[in-house]
Amino acid sequence: MFISEKYKYIFIGLRFSASSALSKELIEMYDSEPILHKHANIPYFIKKYPKLEINQNFKFAVLRDPVQIMHTIFNKYLTHAHFVLLIQNIL
């Protein structure tokens, strides 16, 4: 999760949605700083920082097509050597 006091936004990074690339861009170009862990959610943020006014910030995330996410996960499993050997033994 990343926050910018200057531009008044909070970016929530979702898994498998280019959040690393977006986070890097937000830090370099848009005065962002990391807060909490990368994939923290809004309820966790409110619990950790109850005094920060979340409603005064623009909140956004990038949502990727679930089929594309599954394709990415499947390809990651296929390229992992241990998993490839496991699949070969099953087949």
Protein backbone atom coordinates (compact mmCIF):
# COMPACT_ATOMS: atom_id res chain seq x y z
CA MET A 1 0.00 0.00 0.00
CA PHE A 2 1.30 3.42 -0.93
CA ILE A 3 0.20 6.87 0.15
CA SER A 4 0.86 10.40 -1.06
CA GLU A 5 0.22 13.35 1.22
CA LYS A 6 0.91 15.81 -1.59
CA TYR A 7 -1.54 14.34 -4.12
CA LYS A 8 -3.93 12.87 -1.52
CA TYR A 9 -4.16 9.29 -2.79
CA ILE A 10 -3.80 5.76 -1.47
CA PHE A 11 -2.80 2.96 -3.83
CA ILE A 12 -3.72 -0.60 -2.87
CA GLY A 13 -1.56 -3.15 -4.65
CA LEU A 14 -3.38 -6.32 -5.69
CA ARG A 15 -1.55 -9.53 -6.47
CA PHE A 16 -0.82 -10.28 -10.14
CA SER A 17 -1.98 -6.85 -11.31
CA ALA A 18 1.30 -5.06 -12.08
CA SER A 19 1.34 -3.52 -8.62
CA SER A 20 5.16 -3.63 -8.46
CA ALA A 21 5.53 -1.61 -11.65
CA LEU A 22 2.82 0.84 -10.61
CA SER A 23 4.30 1.25 -7.15
CA LYS A 24 7.71 2.03 -8.61
CA GLU A 25 6.18 4.67 -10.89
CA LEU A 26 4.17 6.22 -8.06
CA ILE A 27 7.28 6.50 -5.88
CA GLU A 28 9.46 7.97 -8.62
CA MET A 29 6.99 10.34 -10.25
CA TYR A 30 4.07 11.01 -7.90
CA ASP A 31 5.47 11.60 -4.41
CA SER A 32 4.34 8.26 -3.01
CA GLU A 33 5.74 6.41 -0.03
CA PRO A 34 5.17 2.83 1.10
CA ILE A 35 2.98 2.31 4.11
CA LEU A 36 2.25 -1.10 5.64
CA HIS A 37 2.99 -4.07 3.41
CA LYS A 38 2.60 -4.23 -0.34
CA HIS A 39 -0.77 -5.97 -0.49
CA ALA A 40 -2.39 -4.50 2.63
CA ASN A 41 -6.10 -3.74 2.42
CA ILE A 42 -8.19 -0.79 3.59
CA PRO A 43 -9.64 -2.43 6.75
CA TYR A 44 -6.10 -3.30 7.88
CA PHE A 45 -4.99 0.27 7.12
CA ILE A 46 -7.84 1.72 9.20
CA LYS A 47 -6.98 -0.62 12.08
CA LYS A 48 -3.30 0.41 12.05
CA TYR A 49 -3.86 4.14 11.43
CA PRO A 50 -7.24 5.04 12.96
CA LYS A 51 -6.39 8.76 13.20
CA LEU A 52 -5.70 9.22 9.47
CA GLU A 53 -8.70 10.48 7.55
CA ILE A 54 -9.05 7.93 4.77
CA ASN A 55 -12.10 9.66 3.24
CA GLN A 56 -10.02 12.70 2.30
CA ASN A 57 -7.83 10.59 0.00
CA PHE A 58 -8.55 9.16 -3.42
CA LYS A 59 -8.23 5.37 -3.14
CA PHE A 60 -7.45 3.19 -6.14
CA ALA A 61 -6.21 -0.20 -7.25
CA VAL A 62 -5.89 -2.03 -10.54
CA LEU A 63 -8.13 -5.03 -11.07
CA ARG A 64 -7.03 -7.58 -13.63
CA ASP A 65 -9.21 -10.07 -15.46
CA PRO A 66 -9.42 -13.24 -13.29
CA VAL A 67 -8.79 -15.48 -16.31
CA GLN A 68 -5.54 -13.63 -17.02
CA ILE A 69 -4.54 -13.97 -13.37
CA MET A 70 -5.10 -17.73 -13.48
CA HIS A 71 -3.07 -17.92 -16.69
CA THR A 72 -0.20 -16.07 -15.00
CA ILE A 73 -0.32 -18.31 -11.94
CA PHE A 74 -0.42 -21.43 -14.12
CA ASN A 75 2.60 -20.24 -16.11
CA LYS A 76 4.50 -19.50 -12.89
CA TYR A 77 3.84 -23.02 -11.69
CA LEU A 78 4.95 -24.47 -15.02
CA THR A 79 8.26 -22.62 -14.97
CA HIS A 80 9.07 -23.73 -11.43
CA ALA A 81 11.37 -26.73 -11.83
CA HIS A 82 10.10 -28.64 -8.79
CA PHE A 83 6.51 -28.29 -9.93
CA VAL A 84 7.39 -29.36 -13.49
CA LEU A 85 8.94 -32.58 -12.18
CA LEU A 86 5.86 -33.19 -10.05
CA ILE A 87 3.56 -32.76 -13.06
CA GLN A 88 5.73 -35.07 -15.16
CA ASN A 89 5.51 -37.76 -12.49
CA ILE A 90 1.74 -37.42 -12.32
CA LEU A 91 1.30 -37.59 -16.10
